[in-house]
Amino acid sequence: MEEKENFSFIESPVEMQNHKMKKKSKINSVMLVYFLILIIFFLLIVIIGILLYKIKKLDQRLKKSEINQIINNIENNMNSKPFQGKRLFHIKNDEFINTTKNIIHISYSLDNNLTFPTLVSMTSGLENNNYESNLIVYHLLFSGDYNTSNIDIFESLKEKYEVKINYYVIPPIFNSSKRWTSGTDCVYYKVILPLMFPDLERIIYLDGDTLIRKDIWEMYNYPFNNNYILGHPFFTPSAVDRFKINATHYINGGCLLFNIKKIRKDKKDVDLLQFTIKKNYYLSYREQDSINYVFHPKVGFLPLKYGMYMIGTKGLFKYIAIKRIRSPINLTEGYEAIEDPAVVHFSCCWPKIWNNATKNLFRHNKTCLRYQKEFYYYANKTKYYSLIHSLLY
């Protein structure tokens, strides 16, 4: 047999060059595919972004339409004549009387749980009112599920005092299911005050956990100095960073003086409602964040004696004023406000001042014990002292 010769395959330079070119072409093809995939992916992101933007715009238009409908409902109902029976807003109003006295408008918002604390707060204001020169008009804003038969409780004040009281039921404008913080919708009602009372120049808003210890006319007539609202410096919440609010202008929402005339003039009334509804979920301090954001930087301060939140001791006040509040606070003014406030707000007291647990918890704090005695002093001026004591104490 013939032996086969063994040949080793050796590429020629031309073949080597062709092989390299094929390999390079294959790499380029793969890179092109990857590049096309990236372009398609980028285009998909752009398309999705455009769609989301259009959906968001549509949602905003729908919300704007809803908000405009809410505003129209408010204005139509507020301009209607007072009447009996539950309606969208008015349920019972006092006719305004011709008077030469100074009229002081004060508003509260409440649900069923705040009926008696609010009654005591209103009574304290009437007990300390200067009737020779002032007439107090209370505006009570109820939640939609409020037991309106309780109106008789507030009407009982007219048996003893010269006072006008107007009542309003607020529909579910603010959806609590879209909020991560606790609480009822009634805390939001203060944001619609400028829309509800376009003919007023100013109005005081108070939380139900307050006592009015002196004539409130000076607070009501306090100069705005071109601010939209006046209140008191408060602890700095996360909203300061989230919404870029100047922390030195952040105020508490429990005791406020609204400059309705300027708010309406600059159309901030609509802005306030829009922001509160749209940003509902993100508000850690709810309506308080809205007020501070929308009215920023034209947010001013009332004297501390008009709405001093109950802290108790001078030492604790000094710590909070220096460490927790970024607004400049006059410590001497604060000490005087602790000793003898014109309006005291129990926002920093839990359990609330009327509860027996407060007496046990703060038994060594003379200020807390004094305010509890004052609360029941004014409660005793009502027809419902026994009921208030049994329910709240």
Protein backbone atom coordinates (compact mmCIF):
# COMPACT_ATOMS: atom_id res chain seq x y z
CA MET A 1 0.00 0.00 0.00
CA GLU A 2 1.08 3.46 -0.72
CA GLU A 3 1.56 5.56 2.31
CA LYS A 4 -0.42 8.81 2.32
CA GLU A 5 1.60 11.86 2.74
CA ASN A 6 0.75 14.11 5.76
CA PHE A 7 0.29 17.77 4.86
CA SER A 8 0.04 20.52 7.53
CA PHE A 9 -2.48 23.22 6.59
CA ILE A 10 -0.85 26.60 6.55
CA GLU A 11 -3.00 29.71 5.82
CA SER A 12 -1.72 32.03 3.30
CA PRO A 13 -1.53 35.76 4.18
CA VAL A 14 -4.57 36.43 2.00
CA GLU A 15 -6.63 33.78 3.75
CA MET A 16 -5.57 35.10 7.15
CA GLN A 17 -6.68 38.58 6.16
CA ASN A 18 -10.06 37.29 4.95
CA HIS A 19 -10.55 35.38 8.19
CA LYS A 20 -9.86 38.49 10.26
CA MET A 21 -12.26 40.54 8.17
CA LYS A 22 -15.03 37.94 8.63
CA LYS A 23 -14.46 37.90 12.39
CA LYS A 24 -14.50 41.69 12.54
CA SER A 25 -17.66 41.81 10.43
CA LYS A 26 -19.33 39.35 12.81
CA ILE A 27 -18.38 41.52 15.80
CA ASN A 28 -19.69 44.62 14.05
CA SER A 29 -22.96 42.85 13.30
CA VAL A 30 -23.38 41.89 16.95
CA MET A 31 -22.57 45.44 18.07
CA LEU A 32 -25.07 46.80 15.56
CA VAL A 33 -27.76 44.50 16.94
CA TYR A 34 -26.98 45.65 20.47
CA PHE A 35 -27.02 49.27 19.33
CA LEU A 36 -30.40 48.79 17.63
CA ILE A 37 -31.77 47.16 20.78
CA LEU A 38 -30.55 50.13 22.85
CA ILE A 39 -32.19 52.56 20.44
CA ILE A 40 -35.46 50.64 20.57
CA PHE A 41 -35.28 50.50 24.38
CA PHE A 42 -34.57 54.24 24.53
CA LEU A 43 -37.48 54.97 22.19
CA LEU A 44 -39.78 52.82 24.32
CA ILE A 45 -38.73 54.79 27.41
CA VAL A 46 -39.40 58.05 25.59
CA ILE A 47 -42.80 56.83 24.39
CA ILE A 48 -43.74 55.59 27.86
CA GLY A 49 -42.57 58.90 29.35
CA ILE A 50 -44.69 60.86 26.87
CA LEU A 51 -47.72 58.68 27.62
CA LEU A 52 -47.25 59.07 31.36
CA TYR A 53 -46.84 62.83 30.92
CA LYS A 54 -50.06 63.01 28.89
CA ILE A 55 -51.89 60.87 31.44
CA LYS A 56 -50.61 63.10 34.23
CA LYS A 57 -51.70 66.20 32.34
CA LEU A 58 -55.10 64.67 31.72
CA ASP A 59 -55.35 63.77 35.41
CA GLN A 60 -54.41 67.33 36.32
CA ARG A 61 -57.05 68.68 33.97
CA LEU A 62 -59.61 66.38 35.53
CA LYS A 63 -58.53 67.45 39.00
CA LYS A 64 -58.64 71.08 37.95
CA SER A 65 -62.16 70.53 36.63
CA GLU A 66 -63.13 68.85 39.89
CA ILE A 67 -61.57 71.65 41.92
CA ASN A 68 -63.38 74.28 39.85
CA GLN A 69 -66.62 72.43 40.52
CA ILE A 70 -65.84 72.41 44.24
CA ILE A 71 -65.11 76.15 44.15
CA ASN A 72 -68.35 76.85 42.29
CA ASN A 73 -70.28 74.77 44.82
CA ILE A 74 -68.70 76.70 47.66
CA GLU A 75 -69.39 80.10 46.15
CA ASN A 76 -72.95 79.25 45.08
CA ASN A 77 -73.86 77.90 48.49
CA MET A 78 -72.15 80.67 50.41
CA ASN A 79 -73.99 83.29 48.40
CA SER A 80 -77.37 81.68 49.01
CA LYS A 81 -79.70 82.87 51.74
CA PRO A 82 -79.57 81.20 55.16
CA PHE A 83 -82.03 78.35 55.55
CA GLN A 84 -82.94 75.41 57.75
CA GLY A 85 -82.16 71.83 56.82
CA LYS A 86 -79.02 70.09 55.64
CA ARG A 87 -77.60 71.12 52.29
CA LEU A 88 -74.20 71.00 50.67
CA PHE A 89 -72.74 73.63 52.97
CA HIS A 90 -75.17 75.77 54.96
CA ILE A 91 -77.36 74.03 57.46
CA LYS A 92 -78.25 76.90 59.74
CA ASN A 93 -77.19 80.53 59.77
CA ASP A 94 -77.83 83.57 61.89
CA GLU A 95 -78.83 86.68 60.02
CA PHE A 96 -76.32 89.45 60.53
CA ILE A 97 -77.66 92.36 62.53
CA ASN A 98 -76.98 96.05 62.22
CA THR A 99 -74.51 96.87 64.93
CA THR A 100 -71.92 99.49 65.70
CA LYS A 101 -69.86 96.92 67.56
CA ASN A 102 -66.65 95.37 66.30
CA ILE A 103 -67.51 91.99 64.75
CA ILE A 104 -64.99 89.23 65.45
CA HIS A 105 -65.22 86.21 63.13
CA ILE A 106 -63.89 82.96 64.60
CA SER A 107 -64.00 79.56 62.89
CA TYR A 108 -63.69 76.01 64.20
CA SER A 109 -63.70 72.72 62.28
CA LEU A 110 -64.85 69.61 64.07
CA ASP A 111 -66.15 66.09 63.98
CA ASN A 112 -68.34 64.37 66.59
CA ASN A 113 -65.40 63.80 68.96
CA LEU A 114 -64.66 67.51 69.28
CA THR A 115 -68.17 68.73 70.08
CA PHE A 116 -67.68 69.37 73.79
CA PRO A 117 -64.05 70.60 73.71
CA THR A 118 -65.13 73.10 71.04
CA LEU A 119 -68.13 74.14 73.11
CA VAL A 120 -65.85 74.86 76.07
CA SER A 121 -63.45 76.84 73.86
CA MET A 122 -66.33 78.93 72.49
CA THR A 123 -67.65 79.50 76.01
CA SER A 124 -64.25 80.75 77.17
CA GLY A 125 -64.24 83.27 74.33
CA LEU A 126 -67.71 84.51 75.25
CA GLU A 127 -66.85 84.72 78.96
CA ASN A 128 -63.90 86.99 78.20
CA ASN A 129 -65.50 89.06 75.43
CA ASN A 130 -65.92 92.82 75.86
CA TYR A 131 -69.62 93.04 75.04
CA GLU A 132 -69.66 96.84 75.14
CA SER A 133 -67.59 97.01 71.97
CA ASN A 134 -67.38 93.50 70.43
CA LEU A 135 -69.73 90.92 68.93
CA ILE A 136 -68.37 87.42 68.29
CA VAL A 137 -69.60 85.47 65.27
CA TYR A 138 -68.68 81.80 65.34
CA HIS A 139 -68.48 79.71 62.15
CA LEU A 140 -68.57 75.95 62.78
CA LEU A 141 -67.46 73.64 59.96
CA PHE A 142 -68.70 70.07 60.43
CA SER A 143 -67.54 66.85 58.80
CA GLY A 144 -70.06 65.12 56.54
CA ASP A 145 -70.87 62.45 59.12
CA TYR A 146 -71.42 64.95 61.92
CA ASN A 147 -74.51 64.43 64.07
CA THR A 148 -76.26 67.72 63.30
CA SER A 149 -78.66 67.22 66.18
CA ASN A 150 -75.73 68.39 68.31
CA ILE A 151 -76.37 71.89 66.99
CA ASP A 152 -78.72 72.38 69.93
CA ILE A 153 -75.69 72.05 72.21
CA PHE A 154 -74.08 75.09 70.59
CA GLU A 155 -77.38 76.96 70.32
CA SER A 156 -77.62 76.81 74.12
CA LEU A 157 -74.90 79.47 74.28
CA LYS A 158 -77.40 82.03 72.96
CA GLU A 159 -79.46 81.62 76.12
CA LYS A 160 -76.64 83.19 78.12
CA TYR A 161 -74.50 85.23 75.74
CA GLU A 162 -74.88 87.70 72.91
CA VAL A 163 -73.40 85.67 70.06
CA LYS A 164 -74.02 84.69 66.45
CA ILE A 165 -73.31 81.13 65.31
CA ASN A 166 -73.28 79.81 61.74
CA TYR A 167 -73.12 76.11 60.86
CA TYR A 168 -71.78 74.38 57.75
CA VAL A 169 -71.48 70.75 56.69
CA ILE A 170 -68.46 70.19 54.44
CA PRO A 171 -68.75 67.45 51.78
CA PRO A 172 -65.88 64.94 51.28
CA ILE A 173 -63.57 67.28 49.37
CA PHE A 174 -60.44 65.72 50.86
CA ASN A 175 -60.17 61.97 50.37
CA SER A 176 -58.65 60.55 53.55
CA SER A 177 -57.85 57.27 51.77
CA LYS A 178 -55.16 59.11 49.80
CA ARG A 179 -53.34 60.20 52.92
CA TRP A 180 -50.75 58.28 54.91
CA THR A 181 -51.10 60.32 58.09
CA SER A 182 -53.83 59.71 60.62
CA GLY A 183 -56.73 62.01 61.44
CA THR A 184 -60.08 63.05 60.05
CA ASP A 185 -60.83 65.30 57.11
CA CYS A 186 -62.05 68.11 59.36
CA VAL A 187 -58.47 69.26 59.94
CA TYR A 188 -58.39 70.32 56.26
CA TYR A 189 -61.42 72.59 56.38
CA LYS A 190 -59.45 75.69 57.32
CA VAL A 191 -57.92 75.76 53.82
CA ILE A 192 -61.31 76.63 52.26
CA LEU A 193 -62.06 79.53 54.64
CA PRO A 194 -60.90 82.17 52.11
CA LEU A 195 -63.27 80.63 49.53
CA MET A 196 -66.16 80.40 51.95
CA PHE A 197 -66.01 83.97 53.22
CA PRO A 198 -65.02 86.25 50.32
CA ASP A 199 -66.70 89.28 51.92
CA LEU A 200 -64.62 89.15 55.08
CA GLU A 201 -61.28 90.87 55.41
CA ARG A 202 -59.99 88.51 58.11
CA ILE A 203 -60.99 85.53 60.21
CA ILE A 204 -59.49 83.70 63.19
CA TYR A 205 -59.24 79.93 63.01
CA LEU A 206 -58.92 77.93 66.25
CA ASP A 207 -58.64 74.22 66.92
CA GLY A 208 -61.16 72.83 69.36
CA ASP A 209 -58.45 72.12 71.96
CA THR A 210 -58.00 75.79 72.87
CA LEU A 211 -59.06 78.18 75.60
CA ILE A 212 -59.60 81.91 75.06
CA ARG A 213 -58.53 83.48 78.33
CA LYS A 214 -58.79 87.19 77.44
CA ASP A 215 -60.58 89.56 75.09
CA ILE A 216 -59.60 88.41 71.61
CA TRP A 217 -60.17 91.70 69.74
CA GLU A 218 -56.49 92.66 69.82
CA MET A 219 -55.56 89.34 68.20
CA TYR A 220 -58.30 89.68 65.59
CA ASN A 221 -57.15 93.21 64.71
CA TYR A 222 -53.42 92.44 64.68
CA PRO A 223 -51.61 93.98 61.65
CA PHE A 224 -50.70 91.58 58.82
CA ASN A 225 -47.77 93.60 57.45
CA ASN A 226 -48.53 92.30 53.94
CA ASN A 227 -48.58 88.63 55.04
CA TYR A 228 -51.26 86.17 53.94
CA ILE A 229 -51.52 84.54 57.33
CA LEU A 230 -50.26 84.83 60.89
CA GLY A 231 -49.59 82.04 63.36
CA HIS A 232 -46.97 80.73 65.78
CA PRO A 233 -43.56 79.14 65.16
CA PHE A 234 -43.69 75.37 65.31
CA PHE A 235 -41.49 72.27 65.22
CA THR A 236 -39.85 71.87 61.84
CA PRO A 237 -41.40 68.89 59.99
CA SER A 238 -40.10 66.94 57.00
CA ALA A 239 -42.20 69.13 54.69
CA VAL A 240 -39.64 71.89 55.13
CA ASP A 241 -37.12 69.88 53.13
CA ARG A 242 -39.60 68.13 50.85
CA PHE A 243 -41.30 71.30 49.65
CA LYS A 244 -38.33 73.66 50.14
CA ILE A 245 -40.10 75.80 52.74
CA ASN A 246 -38.06 78.33 54.66
CA ALA A 247 -38.00 76.78 58.13
CA THR A 248 -37.88 80.19 59.80
CA HIS A 249 -41.39 80.86 58.46
CA TYR A 250 -43.11 77.61 59.45
CA ILE A 251 -46.19 78.06 61.66
CA ASN A 252 -48.54 75.82 63.61
CA GLY A 253 -52.01 75.30 62.11
CA GLY A 254 -54.06 75.34 65.32
CA CYS A 255 -54.34 79.08 65.90
CA LEU A 256 -54.34 81.27 62.79
CA LEU A 257 -55.35 84.68 61.53
CA PHE A 258 -56.23 84.65 57.81
CA ASN A 259 -55.77 87.77 55.67
CA ILE A 260 -58.71 86.85 53.44
CA LYS A 261 -58.70 90.13 51.53
CA LYS A 262 -55.12 89.69 50.32
CA ILE A 263 -55.47 85.93 49.80
CA ARG A 264 -58.45 86.49 47.50
CA LYS A 265 -56.81 89.39 45.72
CA ASP A 266 -53.74 87.31 44.84
CA LYS A 267 -55.86 84.21 44.06
CA LYS A 268 -54.07 82.20 46.71
CA ASP A 269 -57.42 80.79 47.87
CA VAL A 270 -57.61 78.55 44.78
CA ASP A 271 -53.89 77.70 44.98
CA LEU A 272 -54.30 76.55 48.56
CA LEU A 273 -57.19 74.22 47.74
CA GLN A 274 -55.48 72.83 44.62
CA PHE A 275 -52.20 72.12 46.41
CA THR A 276 -53.93 70.46 49.37
CA ILE A 277 -55.97 68.12 47.15
CA LYS A 278 -53.15 67.25 44.74
CA LYS A 279 -50.42 66.78 47.36
CA ASN A 280 -52.69 65.19 49.96
CA TYR A 281 -50.73 61.96 50.18
CA TYR A 282 -47.37 63.67 50.69
CA LEU A 283 -48.35 66.04 53.49
CA SER A 284 -46.85 64.87 56.77
CA TYR A 285 -48.52 67.68 58.70
CA ARG A 286 -51.50 67.77 56.34
CA GLU A 287 -53.15 71.20 55.95
CA GLN A 288 -50.39 72.82 58.00
CA ASP A 289 -47.86 71.93 55.30
CA SER A 290 -50.21 73.27 52.61
CA ILE A 291 -50.66 76.60 54.34
CA ASN A 292 -46.94 77.08 54.89
CA TYR A 293 -46.05 76.08 51.31
CA VAL A 294 -48.68 78.05 49.40
CA PHE A 295 -48.40 81.23 51.47
CA HIS A 296 -44.59 81.13 51.69
CA PRO A 297 -42.79 83.46 52.24
CA LYS A 298 -45.64 85.77 53.32
CA VAL A 299 -46.19 83.89 56.56
CA GLY A 300 -45.97 86.00 59.69
CA PHE A 301 -46.08 85.53 63.44
CA LEU A 302 -48.65 86.46 66.05
CA PRO A 303 -47.48 87.42 69.54
CA LEU A 304 -46.89 84.17 71.42
CA LYS A 305 -49.60 84.99 73.96
CA TYR A 306 -52.23 84.56 71.21
CA GLY A 307 -52.19 80.83 70.75
CA MET A 308 -49.26 79.64 72.82
CA TYR A 309 -49.23 75.86 72.60
CA MET A 310 -49.11 74.39 76.06
CA ILE A 311 -45.59 73.25 76.88
CA GLY A 312 -45.78 73.55 80.64
CA THR A 313 -42.44 74.68 81.97
CA LYS A 314 -40.01 77.43 81.06
CA GLY A 315 -37.16 74.93 80.86
CA LEU A 316 -39.00 72.75 78.35
CA PHE A 317 -40.02 75.83 76.35
CA LYS A 318 -36.40 77.02 76.21
CA TYR A 319 -35.25 73.59 74.99
CA ILE A 320 -37.91 73.44 72.27
CA ALA A 321 -37.38 77.07 71.23
CA ILE A 322 -33.63 76.56 70.81
CA LYS A 323 -33.35 72.95 69.65
CA ARG A 324 -36.59 72.14 67.80
CA ILE A 325 -37.83 75.41 66.29
CA ARG A 326 -35.73 77.19 63.67
CA SER A 327 -37.72 80.42 63.85
CA PRO A 328 -36.26 83.16 66.05
CA ILE A 329 -38.18 83.25 69.33
CA ASN A 330 -37.99 85.82 72.10
CA LEU A 331 -37.58 83.71 75.23
CA THR A 332 -38.83 86.47 77.52
CA GLU A 333 -42.00 86.76 75.46
CA GLY A 334 -42.35 83.00 75.58
CA TYR A 335 -42.00 82.88 79.36
CA GLU A 336 -44.67 85.57 79.72
CA ALA A 337 -46.95 83.66 77.34
CA ILE A 338 -46.57 80.51 79.43
CA GLU A 339 -47.51 82.36 82.60
CA ASP A 340 -50.48 84.31 81.25
CA PRO A 341 -51.52 83.55 77.64
CA ALA A 342 -54.54 85.20 76.02
CA VAL A 343 -55.19 82.01 74.04
CA VAL A 344 -53.73 78.64 74.96
CA HIS A 345 -53.53 75.70 72.56
CA PHE A 346 -53.21 72.17 73.95
CA SER A 347 -51.43 70.78 70.88
CA CYS A 348 -48.39 69.63 72.85
CA CYS A 349 -50.41 67.92 75.56
CA TRP A 350 -51.32 64.26 75.22
CA PRO A 351 -53.52 62.93 76.68
CA LYS A 352 -55.55 66.12 76.32
CA ILE A 353 -55.86 68.55 79.19
CA TRP A 354 -59.45 67.55 80.02
CA ASN A 355 -58.55 63.90 80.54
CA ASN A 356 -58.02 62.52 84.04
CA ALA A 357 -54.85 60.79 82.80
CA THR A 358 -53.36 64.26 82.32
CA LYS A 359 -53.87 64.99 86.00
CA ASN A 360 -51.95 61.83 86.91
CA LEU A 361 -49.29 62.21 84.24
CA PHE A 362 -48.58 65.89 84.94
CA ARG A 363 -49.32 65.91 88.66
CA HIS A 364 -46.05 67.74 89.33
CA ASN A 365 -46.64 70.34 86.61
CA LYS A 366 -48.54 73.27 88.08
CA THR A 367 -49.18 74.83 84.66
CA CYS A 368 -50.92 71.72 83.31
CA LEU A 369 -53.00 71.31 86.45
CA ARG A 370 -54.00 74.98 86.29
CA TYR A 371 -55.22 74.67 82.71
CA GLN A 372 -57.20 71.55 83.52
CA LYS A 373 -58.96 73.48 86.28
CA GLU A 374 -59.59 76.34 83.86
CA PHE A 375 -61.03 73.98 81.25
CA TYR A 376 -63.59 72.66 83.72
CA TYR A 377 -64.21 76.16 85.04
CA TYR A 378 -65.46 77.16 81.58
CA ALA A 379 -67.19 73.80 81.12
CA ASN A 380 -69.15 74.61 84.26
CA LYS A 381 -70.44 77.76 82.53
CA THR A 382 -72.31 75.59 80.03
CA LYS A 383 -75.49 73.57 80.48
CA TYR A 384 -73.55 70.35 79.90
CA TYR A 385 -70.96 70.29 82.66
CA SER A 386 -71.99 66.90 84.05
CA LEU A 387 -72.04 65.34 80.59
CA ILE A 388 -68.71 66.91 79.65
CA HIS A 389 -67.10 65.67 82.84
CA SER A 390 -68.45 62.13 82.45
CA LEU A 391 -67.46 61.85 78.77
CA LEU A 392 -64.10 63.59 78.77
CA TYR A 393 -62.68 63.15 82.26
